[in-house]
Amino acid sequence: MYAVTRTIHFCYGHRLLNYEGKCRYLHGHNGKVEIELESERLDTRGMVRDFNEIKQTIQAWIDSELDHKMLLNRRDPALPLLRKLGEPLFVMDENPTAEAIARLIFEYTASQGFPVTAVRLWETEHSCATYRPTATRNRRIGRRVAAVRSTSTAA
């Protein structure tokens, strides 16, 4: 099995609803996402996938949709005011946790035809969340046969 990983840095803000810690307030992160692709065979160029293809597709999407935006749950009461102020937003159906953002990036990557097996989102240098489907051979985006694995090295 061959594997390649592309790392992409981006900045985003968010807050969590129904949360008692500091993350209930609007705040930001300098995030790092690691996108892992795997293949049993290399293509005719001798690659799992060209890193530049990942950059042109996935990094371009992250730059346009997530970078320097507030990622908020659609039920967030701050949305109307932020919209009125013209703030850049990305609205999610769920709390914009590191786990949910990792899954969002995984699903977009898979929808673009990349053989993605895992996405890790580092919120800080000490804490990351990983999304990896339970059945890596079954990547249909419409199915919810996936489990979220969260890893934190912060105590």
C-alpha atoms as a PDB file:
ATOM      1  CA  MET A   1       0.000   0.000   0.000  1.00  0.00           C
ATOM      2  CA  TYR A   2       1.255   3.457  -0.932  1.00  0.00           C
ATOM      3  CA  ALA A   3       0.280   6.622   0.916  1.00  0.00           C
ATOM      4  CA  VAL A   4       0.885  10.335   0.487  1.00  0.00           C
ATOM      5  CA  THR A   5      -0.077  13.192   2.766  1.00  0.00           C
ATOM      6  CA  ARG A   6      -0.583  16.827   1.830  1.00  0.00           C
ATOM      7  CA  THR A   7      -0.530  19.456   4.575  1.00  0.00           C
ATOM      8  CA  ILE A   8      -2.542  22.658   4.157  1.00  0.00           C
ATOM      9  CA  HIS A   9      -2.549  25.621   6.548  1.00  0.00           C
ATOM     10  CA  PHE A  10      -5.535  27.930   6.918  1.00  0.00           C
ATOM     11  CA  CYS A  11      -7.035  30.340   9.424  1.00  0.00           C
ATOM     12  CA  TYR A  12     -10.609  30.168  10.629  1.00  0.00           C
ATOM     13  CA  GLY A  13     -12.852  31.276  13.433  1.00  0.00           C
ATOM     14  CA  HIS A  14     -15.688  29.448  15.131  1.00  0.00           C
ATOM     15  CA  ARG A  15     -17.558  28.890  18.347  1.00  0.00           C
ATOM     16  CA  LEU A  16     -19.436  25.955  19.787  1.00  0.00           C
ATOM     17  CA  LEU A  17     -23.066  26.024  20.843  1.00  0.00           C
ATOM     18  CA  ASN A  18     -24.156  24.128  23.971  1.00  0.00           C
ATOM     19  CA  TYR A  19     -20.593  24.083  25.258  1.00  0.00           C
ATOM     20  CA  GLU A  20     -19.466  25.278  28.686  1.00  0.00           C
ATOM     21  CA  GLY A  21     -15.763  25.892  28.004  1.00  0.00           C
ATOM     22  CA  LYS A  22     -13.947  28.822  26.389  1.00  0.00           C
ATOM     23  CA  CYS A  23     -14.873  27.603  22.901  1.00  0.00           C
ATOM     24  CA  ARG A  24     -18.417  28.907  23.435  1.00  0.00           C
ATOM     25  CA  TYR A  25     -17.028  32.340  22.552  1.00  0.00           C
ATOM     26  CA  LEU A  26     -16.092  33.513  19.065  1.00  0.00           C
ATOM     27  CA  HIS A  27     -12.390  32.773  18.579  1.00  0.00           C
ATOM     28  CA  GLY A  28      -9.943  31.740  15.897  1.00  0.00           C
ATOM     29  CA  HIS A  29      -7.330  29.136  15.023  1.00  0.00           C
ATOM     30  CA  ASN A  30      -4.353  28.835  12.756  1.00  0.00           C
ATOM     31  CA  GLY A  31      -5.319  25.372  11.579  1.00  0.00           C
ATOM     32  CA  LYS A  32      -3.365  22.712   9.785  1.00  0.00           C
ATOM     33  CA  VAL A  33      -5.067  19.938   7.871  1.00  0.00           C
ATOM     34  CA  GLU A  34      -3.341  16.735   6.783  1.00  0.00           C
ATOM     35  CA  ILE A  35      -5.020  14.890   3.928  1.00  0.00           C
ATOM     36  CA  GLU A  36      -3.920  11.276   3.526  1.00  0.00           C
ATOM     37  CA  LEU A  37      -4.409   9.434   0.251  1.00  0.00           C
ATOM     38  CA  GLU A  38      -3.735   5.716  -0.316  1.00  0.00           C
ATOM     39  CA  SER A  39      -3.533   3.385  -3.275  1.00  0.00           C
ATOM     40  CA  GLU A  40      -2.481  -0.195  -3.818  1.00  0.00           C
ATOM     41  CA  ARG A  41      -0.959   0.811  -7.157  1.00  0.00           C
ATOM     42  CA  LEU A  42       0.869   3.815  -8.485  1.00  0.00           C
ATOM     43  CA  ASP A  43      -0.391   5.639 -11.559  1.00  0.00           C
ATOM     44  CA  THR A  44       1.507   5.781 -14.858  1.00  0.00           C
ATOM     45  CA  ARG A  45       3.664   8.580 -13.413  1.00  0.00           C
ATOM     46  CA  GLY A  46       4.654   6.426 -10.436  1.00  0.00           C
ATOM     47  CA  MET A  47       2.450   8.392  -7.982  1.00  0.00           C
ATOM     48  CA  VAL A  48      -0.537   7.847  -5.715  1.00  0.00           C
ATOM     49  CA  ARG A  49      -1.582  11.348  -6.779  1.00  0.00           C
ATOM     50  CA  ASP A  50       0.368  14.426  -7.812  1.00  0.00           C
ATOM     51  CA  PHE A  51       0.741  16.818  -4.852  1.00  0.00           C
ATOM     52  CA  ASN A  52       0.009  19.703  -7.206  1.00  0.00           C
ATOM     53  CA  GLU A  53      -3.404  18.164  -8.056  1.00  0.00           C
ATOM     54  CA  ILE A  54      -4.240  18.094  -4.347  1.00  0.00           C
ATOM     55  CA  LYS A  55      -3.128  21.710  -4.026  1.00  0.00           C
ATOM     56  CA  GLN A  56      -5.071  22.887  -7.077  1.00  0.00           C
ATOM     57  CA  THR A  57      -8.269  21.139  -6.004  1.00  0.00           C
ATOM     58  CA  ILE A  58      -8.426  20.766  -2.228  1.00  0.00           C
ATOM     59  CA  GLN A  59      -6.293  23.697  -1.110  1.00  0.00           C
ATOM     60  CA  ALA A  60      -8.104  25.953  -3.577  1.00  0.00           C
ATOM     61  CA  TRP A  61     -11.450  24.873  -2.069  1.00  0.00           C
ATOM     62  CA  ILE A  62     -10.218  25.388   1.494  1.00  0.00           C
ATOM     63  CA  ASP A  63      -8.841  28.811   0.534  1.00  0.00           C
ATOM     64  CA  SER A  64     -12.130  29.901  -1.033  1.00  0.00           C
ATOM     65  CA  GLU A  65     -14.606  28.291   1.388  1.00  0.00           C
ATOM     66  CA  LEU A  66     -12.961  28.063   4.826  1.00  0.00           C
ATOM     67  CA  ASP A  67      -9.864  30.259   5.057  1.00  0.00           C
ATOM     68  CA  HIS A  68     -10.384  33.466   7.060  1.00  0.00           C
ATOM     69  CA  LYS A  69     -14.063  32.716   7.588  1.00  0.00           C
ATOM     70  CA  MET A  70     -16.206  32.173  10.655  1.00  0.00           C
ATOM     71  CA  LEU A  71     -17.445  28.582  10.665  1.00  0.00           C
ATOM     72  CA  LEU A  72     -20.728  28.554  12.546  1.00  0.00           C
ATOM     73  CA  ASN A  73     -23.675  26.300  13.242  1.00  0.00           C
ATOM     74  CA  ARG A  74     -26.743  27.432  11.322  1.00  0.00           C
ATOM     75  CA  ARG A  75     -28.588  27.837  14.655  1.00  0.00           C
ATOM     76  CA  ASP A  76     -25.965  30.268  16.003  1.00  0.00           C
ATOM     77  CA  PRO A  77     -27.697  33.446  17.180  1.00  0.00           C
ATOM     78  CA  ALA A  78     -24.703  35.522  16.034  1.00  0.00           C
ATOM     79  CA  LEU A  79     -25.347  34.687  12.354  1.00  0.00           C
ATOM     80  CA  PRO A  80     -27.847  37.499  11.580  1.00  0.00           C
ATOM     81  CA  LEU A  81     -25.538  40.185  12.986  1.00  0.00           C
ATOM     82  CA  LEU A  82     -22.426  38.774  11.283  1.00  0.00           C
ATOM     83  CA  ARG A  83     -24.324  38.568   7.982  1.00  0.00           C
ATOM     84  CA  LYS A  84     -25.525  42.151   8.409  1.00  0.00           C
ATOM     85  CA  LEU A  85     -21.918  43.242   8.987  1.00  0.00           C
ATOM     86  CA  GLY A  86     -20.822  41.420   5.834  1.00  0.00           C
ATOM     87  CA  GLU A  87     -18.481  39.085   7.689  1.00  0.00           C
ATOM     88  CA  PRO A  88     -17.232  36.058   5.712  1.00  0.00           C
ATOM     89  CA  LEU A  89     -19.058  32.952   6.925  1.00  0.00           C
ATOM     90  CA  PHE A  90     -19.265  29.226   6.320  1.00  0.00           C
ATOM     91  CA  VAL A  91     -22.472  27.841   7.813  1.00  0.00           C
ATOM     92  CA  MET A  92     -22.659  24.213   8.950  1.00  0.00           C
ATOM     93  CA  ASP A  93     -25.587  22.010   9.974  1.00  0.00           C
ATOM     94  CA  GLU A  94     -23.706  21.001  13.120  1.00  0.00           C
ATOM     95  CA  ASN A  95     -21.337  22.480  15.643  1.00  0.00           C
ATOM     96  CA  PRO A  96     -18.104  23.433  13.840  1.00  0.00           C
ATOM     97  CA  THR A  97     -15.937  21.157  15.976  1.00  0.00           C
ATOM     98  CA  ALA A  98     -12.538  19.965  14.774  1.00  0.00           C
ATOM     99  CA  GLU A  99     -14.152  16.569  14.180  1.00  0.00           C
ATOM    100  CA  ALA A 100     -16.921  18.047  12.004  1.00  0.00           C
ATOM    101  CA  ILE A 101     -14.473  20.180  10.016  1.00  0.00           C
ATOM    102  CA  ALA A 102     -12.204  17.164   9.423  1.00  0.00           C
ATOM    103  CA  ARG A 103     -15.206  15.202   8.102  1.00  0.00           C
ATOM    104  CA  LEU A 104     -16.264  18.140   5.902  1.00  0.00           C
ATOM    105  CA  ILE A 105     -12.808  18.266   4.283  1.00  0.00           C
ATOM    106  CA  PHE A 106     -12.723  14.461   3.941  1.00  0.00           C
ATOM    107  CA  GLU A 107     -16.089  14.397   2.179  1.00  0.00           C
ATOM    108  CA  TYR A 108     -15.121  17.195  -0.192  1.00  0.00           C
ATOM    109  CA  THR A 109     -11.822  15.465  -1.015  1.00  0.00           C
ATOM    110  CA  ALA A 110     -13.605  12.151  -1.688  1.00  0.00           C
ATOM    111  CA  SER A 111     -16.229  13.912  -3.828  1.00  0.00           C
ATOM    112  CA  GLN A 112     -13.414  15.182  -6.066  1.00  0.00           C
ATOM    113  CA  GLY A 113     -12.265  11.614  -6.775  1.00  0.00           C
ATOM    114  CA  PHE A 114      -9.221  11.494  -4.511  1.00  0.00           C
ATOM    115  CA  PRO A 115      -8.498   8.159  -2.757  1.00  0.00           C
ATOM    116  CA  VAL A 116      -8.638   9.800   0.676  1.00  0.00           C
ATOM    117  CA  THR A 117      -8.363   7.549   3.728  1.00  0.00           C
ATOM    118  CA  ALA A 118      -8.040  10.080   6.559  1.00  0.00           C
ATOM    119  CA  VAL A 119      -8.123  13.787   7.313  1.00  0.00           C
ATOM    120  CA  ARG A 120      -6.517  15.240  10.431  1.00  0.00           C
ATOM    121  CA  LEU A 121      -7.305  18.786  11.514  1.00  0.00           C
ATOM    122  CA  TRP A 122      -4.884  20.366  13.966  1.00  0.00           C
ATOM    123  CA  GLU A 123      -6.605  23.205  15.848  1.00  0.00           C
ATOM    124  CA  THR A 124      -3.467  23.852  17.859  1.00  0.00           C
ATOM    125  CA  GLU A 125      -0.008  22.312  17.877  1.00  0.00           C
ATOM    126  CA  HIS A 126      -1.227  20.042  20.680  1.00  0.00           C
ATOM    127  CA  SER A 127      -4.739  19.025  19.584  1.00  0.00           C
ATOM    128  CA  CYS A 128      -6.100  17.391  16.461  1.00  0.00           C
ATOM    129  CA  ALA A 129      -9.164  15.501  15.320  1.00  0.00           C
ATOM    130  CA  THR A 130      -9.089  12.728  12.717  1.00  0.00           C
ATOM    131  CA  TYR A 131     -11.897  11.610  10.430  1.00  0.00           C
ATOM    132  CA  ARG A 132     -11.553   8.173   8.895  1.00  0.00           C
ATOM    133  CA  PRO A 133     -14.538   6.118   7.695  1.00  0.00           C
ATOM    134  CA  THR A 134     -15.054   2.798   9.414  1.00  0.00           C
ATOM    135  CA  ALA A 135     -15.120   1.058   6.030  1.00  0.00           C
ATOM    136  CA  THR A 136     -12.465   2.722   3.884  1.00  0.00           C
ATOM    137  CA  ARG A 137     -13.565   0.772   0.816  1.00  0.00           C
ATOM    138  CA  ASN A 138     -17.086   2.157   1.091  1.00  0.00           C
ATOM    139  CA  ARG A 139     -16.740   5.916   0.560  1.00  0.00           C
ATOM    140  CA  ARG A 140     -20.177   6.894  -0.651  1.00  0.00           C
ATOM    141  CA  ILE A 141     -20.638  10.451   0.522  1.00  0.00           C
ATOM    142  CA  GLY A 142     -24.384  10.109   1.007  1.00  0.00           C
ATOM    143  CA  ARG A 143     -23.997   7.334   3.582  1.00  0.00           C
ATOM    144  CA  ARG A 144     -23.375   7.925   7.224  1.00  0.00           C
ATOM    145  CA  VAL A 145     -21.420   4.725   7.857  1.00  0.00           C
ATOM    146  CA  ALA A 146     -18.547   6.719   9.237  1.00  0.00           C
ATOM    147  CA  ALA A 147     -17.090   7.147  12.684  1.00  0.00           C
ATOM    148  CA  VAL A 148     -15.256  10.170  13.944  1.00  0.00           C
ATOM    149  CA  ARG A 149     -12.057   9.590  15.817  1.00  0.00           C
ATOM    150  CA  SER A 150     -10.761  12.468  17.846  1.00  0.00           C
ATOM    151  CA  THR A 151      -7.259  12.589  19.166  1.00  0.00           C
ATOM    152  CA  SER A 152      -6.033  15.162  21.616  1.00  0.00           C
ATOM    153  CA  THR A 153      -2.557  15.417  22.989  1.00  0.00           C
ATOM    154  CA  ALA A 154      -3.614  18.288  25.200  1.00  0.00           C
ATOM    155  CA  ALA A 155      -4.417  17.484  28.782  1.00  0.00           C
END
